[in-house]
Amino acid sequence: GAEFFQDDLVPDPNVFSAKIANQFVFGAQMGWFSLGGDSNMNPPMGIYDLLMDPSYDDEVGYLRKLSAAKQAGADYFNFGRAMRPLPLSVNTTQSVPTLSVARAPAVRMHSSDPSSSSSVSLSVSFGAVMSGVWMSAHNDALLIAITTVTRGAPASAAFSIDLRNYGFEAATSPAFELSQINVDSGARTHVATFNDFQVSHNASLSAHDVVLLEVTHTSHAQ
């Protein structure tokens, strides 16, 4: 889980987006927000008014999109297992851009006793594009989730992987289908067929977008 504070949205709402995106790709429960706040926390935790502010409609819409994507991939997130990281090339570079946001010093009171407070000063670093790979419960299919985290920042995200490094080393007939899962309906759309263990794809994502891809065995080699 994660704690959420008002300064996750103010002054830089990308911190809020990074937190929920990180929870999504790791299959964790998203949110668990303190809407009314907590009197012994500085910075304050109550974010209800901020979530209702039209200034943060982008972040609320992103949370809804991630929630829909998590539902569409629920069988993987609930019953599958996380695999090794996905090697992504973002916007034709061989690495994922990282953003760092300075945080104001915070005083955390851990009980009603002011003497128990502690002051911490932190910065937050996160990838502008995040991804996760999940193997199905029956070890016969792979889910690849990619999401753009920052406001107003579309991205092109490409990968090339060897499925033998992602749980398919025992496959006897290396023929695989790559499909895209519609995050709203769950419908699968064929993308490509691969006749060996090398699977590659280049996804174009708008800002605050999420793409779900599925790799399955196929008998229709091309």
Protein backbone atom coordinates (compact mmCIF):
# COMPACT_ATOMS: atom_id res chain seq x y z
CA GLY A 1 0.00 0.00 0.00
CA ALA A 2 0.90 3.68 0.10
CA GLU A 3 -0.03 6.74 2.11
CA PHE A 4 -1.46 9.68 0.18
CA PHE A 5 -1.07 13.32 1.18
CA GLN A 6 -2.29 16.64 -0.13
CA ASP A 7 1.21 17.41 -1.40
CA ASP A 8 0.94 14.43 -3.74
CA LEU A 9 -1.34 16.69 -5.79
CA VAL A 10 -0.07 20.14 -4.86
CA PRO A 11 2.15 21.48 -6.34
CA ASP A 12 2.91 18.55 -8.69
CA PRO A 13 0.05 16.08 -9.36
CA ASN A 14 2.45 13.75 -11.16
CA VAL A 15 3.43 12.44 -7.73
CA PHE A 16 -0.14 11.23 -7.18
CA SER A 17 -0.18 9.63 -10.64
CA ALA A 18 3.15 7.90 -10.02
CA LYS A 19 1.87 6.38 -6.79
CA ILE A 20 -1.29 4.89 -8.31
CA ALA A 21 0.60 3.76 -11.44
CA ASN A 22 3.15 1.97 -9.27
CA GLN A 23 0.35 0.23 -7.38
CA PHE A 24 -1.26 -0.78 -10.68
CA VAL A 25 1.79 -2.38 -12.30
CA PHE A 26 2.54 -4.30 -9.08
CA GLY A 27 -1.04 -5.56 -8.85
CA ALA A 28 -1.63 -3.87 -5.49
CA GLN A 29 -4.80 -2.27 -4.24
CA MET A 30 -4.95 1.23 -5.71
CA GLY A 31 -5.76 4.18 -3.52
CA TRP A 32 -6.80 3.68 0.09
CA PHE A 33 -7.13 7.45 0.30
CA SER A 34 -7.75 9.39 3.48
CA LEU A 35 -10.53 11.68 2.29
CA GLY A 36 -11.23 13.55 5.51
CA GLY A 37 -7.70 13.76 6.79
CA ASP A 38 -5.82 12.92 9.93
CA SER A 39 -5.15 15.53 12.59
CA ASN A 40 -1.73 14.13 13.55
CA MET A 41 -0.15 14.30 10.11
CA ASN A 42 1.88 17.09 8.55
CA PRO A 43 1.53 17.33 5.55
CA PRO A 44 -2.23 16.70 5.86
CA MET A 45 -3.75 13.57 4.36
CA GLY A 46 -7.32 14.66 3.53
CA ILE A 47 -7.55 14.81 -0.29
CA TYR A 48 -11.33 14.81 -0.86
CA ASP A 49 -11.52 18.52 -1.77
CA LEU A 50 -8.58 18.18 -4.14
CA LEU A 51 -10.10 15.18 -5.91
CA MET A 52 -13.33 17.16 -6.35
CA ASP A 53 -11.42 20.14 -7.78
CA PRO A 54 -11.68 20.27 -11.62
CA SER A 55 -7.98 21.17 -11.66
CA TYR A 56 -7.28 17.48 -10.99
CA ASP A 57 -9.77 15.92 -13.39
CA ASP A 58 -6.81 14.48 -15.31
CA GLU A 59 -5.66 12.55 -12.26
CA VAL A 60 -9.17 11.30 -11.42
CA GLY A 61 -9.62 10.18 -15.03
CA TYR A 62 -6.26 8.40 -14.88
CA LEU A 63 -7.29 6.57 -11.72
CA ARG A 64 -10.49 5.45 -13.44
CA LYS A 65 -8.54 4.22 -16.48
CA LEU A 66 -6.10 2.25 -14.33
CA SER A 67 -9.02 0.76 -12.38
CA ALA A 68 -10.66 -0.37 -15.61
CA ALA A 69 -7.38 -1.86 -16.83
CA LYS A 70 -6.90 -3.71 -13.56
CA GLN A 71 -10.38 -5.18 -13.91
CA ALA A 72 -9.65 -6.22 -17.50
CA GLY A 73 -6.49 -8.00 -16.37
CA ALA A 74 -7.93 -9.26 -13.08
CA ASP A 75 -7.19 -12.95 -13.70
CA TYR A 76 -3.49 -12.14 -14.01
CA PHE A 77 -3.29 -9.70 -11.10
CA ASN A 78 -5.37 -11.86 -8.74
CA PHE A 79 -4.17 -15.35 -9.57
CA GLY A 80 -0.97 -14.97 -11.61
CA ARG A 81 2.57 -14.03 -10.65
CA ALA A 82 4.76 -11.06 -11.42
CA MET A 83 7.66 -11.67 -13.81
CA ARG A 84 10.96 -9.90 -14.41
CA PRO A 85 10.91 -6.23 -15.50
CA LEU A 86 10.11 -5.33 -19.10
CA PRO A 87 13.06 -3.78 -21.01
CA LEU A 88 11.43 -0.68 -22.48
CA SER A 89 12.72 1.78 -25.04
CA VAL A 90 10.79 5.04 -24.64
CA ASN A 91 10.64 7.57 -27.45
CA THR A 92 13.41 5.67 -29.28
CA THR A 93 15.84 5.91 -26.33
CA GLN A 94 17.11 2.78 -24.61
CA SER A 95 15.93 3.87 -21.17
CA VAL A 96 12.83 5.13 -19.38
CA PRO A 97 12.85 8.87 -18.55
CA THR A 98 12.91 9.49 -14.80
CA LEU A 99 11.35 12.49 -13.08
CA SER A 100 12.40 13.78 -9.67
CA VAL A 101 10.16 15.97 -7.53
CA ALA A 102 11.45 17.73 -4.41
CA ARG A 103 9.18 17.41 -1.39
CA ALA A 104 8.83 19.99 1.37
CA PRO A 105 10.09 18.95 4.82
CA ALA A 106 7.36 17.10 6.70
CA VAL A 107 6.78 16.57 10.38
CA ARG A 108 5.19 13.21 11.14
CA MET A 109 3.58 12.74 14.56
CA HIS A 110 3.23 9.04 15.23
CA SER A 111 1.07 9.44 18.34
CA SER A 112 -0.70 12.12 20.34
CA ASP A 113 2.60 12.91 22.04
CA PRO A 114 4.33 15.80 20.16
CA SER A 115 7.72 14.57 21.40
CA SER A 116 7.31 11.50 19.18
CA SER A 117 7.32 13.58 16.00
CA SER A 118 10.07 13.32 13.43
CA SER A 119 11.07 15.60 10.59
CA VAL A 120 11.89 14.15 7.19
CA SER A 121 12.85 15.81 3.93
CA LEU A 122 12.47 13.67 0.84
CA SER A 123 12.49 13.77 -2.92
CA VAL A 124 10.46 11.46 -5.13
CA SER A 125 11.80 9.85 -8.31
CA PHE A 126 9.69 7.81 -10.70
CA GLY A 127 9.58 6.62 -14.28
CA ALA A 128 7.56 8.66 -16.76
CA VAL A 129 6.47 5.31 -18.22
CA MET A 130 5.85 2.27 -16.00
CA SER A 131 5.30 -1.35 -16.94
CA GLY A 132 4.65 -4.75 -15.45
CA VAL A 133 4.61 -8.33 -16.74
CA TRP A 134 2.39 -11.04 -15.25
CA MET A 135 2.22 -14.78 -15.93
CA SER A 136 -1.19 -16.46 -15.83
CA ALA A 137 -2.11 -18.93 -13.08
CA HIS A 138 -1.79 -21.81 -15.55
CA ASN A 139 1.59 -20.63 -16.90
CA ASP A 140 0.23 -20.48 -20.44
CA ALA A 141 -0.22 -16.75 -21.11
CA LEU A 142 1.51 -13.47 -20.36
CA LEU A 143 0.06 -10.03 -19.60
CA ILE A 144 2.14 -6.94 -20.42
CA ALA A 145 0.91 -3.65 -18.93
CA ILE A 146 2.41 -0.29 -19.97
CA THR A 147 1.25 3.11 -18.73
CA THR A 148 2.25 6.75 -19.19
CA VAL A 149 2.42 8.49 -15.84
CA THR A 150 2.93 12.22 -16.35
CA ARG A 151 0.43 14.87 -17.36
CA GLY A 152 0.50 15.96 -20.98
CA ALA A 153 3.29 13.53 -21.92
CA PRO A 154 2.44 10.94 -24.59
CA ALA A 155 5.08 8.35 -25.34
CA SER A 156 6.14 5.62 -27.72
CA ALA A 157 7.15 2.51 -25.78
CA ALA A 158 8.89 -0.39 -27.53
CA PHE A 159 10.12 -3.73 -26.26
CA SER A 160 11.69 -6.91 -27.59
CA ILE A 161 11.75 -9.93 -25.28
CA ASP A 162 12.67 -13.59 -25.34
CA LEU A 163 9.71 -15.51 -23.93
CA ARG A 164 12.07 -18.14 -22.57
CA ASN A 165 13.00 -15.52 -19.98
CA TYR A 166 9.32 -15.08 -19.07
CA GLY A 167 8.21 -18.60 -18.22
CA PHE A 168 7.85 -20.16 -21.68
CA GLU A 169 11.11 -22.08 -21.76
CA ALA A 170 9.25 -25.45 -21.76
CA ALA A 171 7.13 -24.66 -24.81
CA THR A 172 7.48 -27.33 -27.46
CA SER A 173 6.11 -25.34 -30.38
CA PRO A 174 7.26 -21.70 -30.37
CA ALA A 175 4.31 -20.02 -32.03
CA PHE A 176 2.71 -17.13 -30.15
CA GLU A 177 -0.05 -14.60 -30.69
CA LEU A 178 0.15 -11.05 -29.40
CA SER A 179 -3.21 -9.41 -28.71
CA GLN A 180 -4.28 -6.09 -27.22
CA ILE A 181 -6.93 -6.12 -24.48
CA ASN A 182 -9.52 -3.35 -24.52
CA VAL A 183 -9.41 -1.92 -20.99
CA ASP A 184 -13.12 -1.08 -21.03
CA SER A 185 -14.65 -4.21 -22.58
CA GLY A 186 -11.93 -6.82 -22.10
CA ALA A 187 -12.16 -7.74 -25.79
CA ARG A 188 -9.00 -9.07 -27.47
CA THR A 189 -7.73 -7.71 -30.79
CA HIS A 190 -5.06 -9.59 -32.73
CA VAL A 191 -1.82 -7.63 -33.14
CA ALA A 192 0.78 -10.07 -34.48
CA THR A 193 1.89 -13.70 -34.66
CA PHE A 194 5.47 -14.78 -33.90
CA ASN A 195 7.04 -18.06 -34.96
CA ASP A 196 9.77 -18.10 -32.33
CA PHE A 197 10.34 -16.96 -28.76
CA GLN A 198 11.24 -13.40 -29.77
CA VAL A 199 8.27 -11.07 -29.32
CA SER A 200 8.46 -7.35 -30.01
CA HIS A 201 6.02 -4.46 -30.15
CA ASN A 202 5.94 -0.68 -30.33
CA ALA A 203 2.99 0.92 -28.52
CA SER A 204 1.88 4.52 -28.94
CA LEU A 205 0.32 5.90 -25.77
CA SER A 206 -1.35 9.22 -25.11
CA ALA A 207 -0.77 10.99 -21.81
CA HIS A 208 -2.22 9.14 -18.79
CA ASP A 209 -2.84 6.10 -20.97
CA VAL A 210 -2.56 2.37 -20.34
CA VAL A 211 -2.03 -0.48 -22.79
CA LEU A 212 -2.66 -4.15 -21.97
CA LEU A 213 -1.06 -6.77 -24.21
CA GLU A 214 -1.48 -10.54 -23.98
CA VAL A 215 0.85 -13.25 -25.28
CA THR A 216 -0.66 -16.70 -25.79
CA HIS A 217 0.26 -19.94 -27.56
CA THR A 218 -1.19 -20.36 -31.04
CA SER A 219 -1.31 -23.23 -33.49
CA HIS A 220 -1.54 -20.82 -36.41
CA ALA A 221 2.11 -20.21 -37.20
CA GLN A 222 2.81 -17.86 -40.07
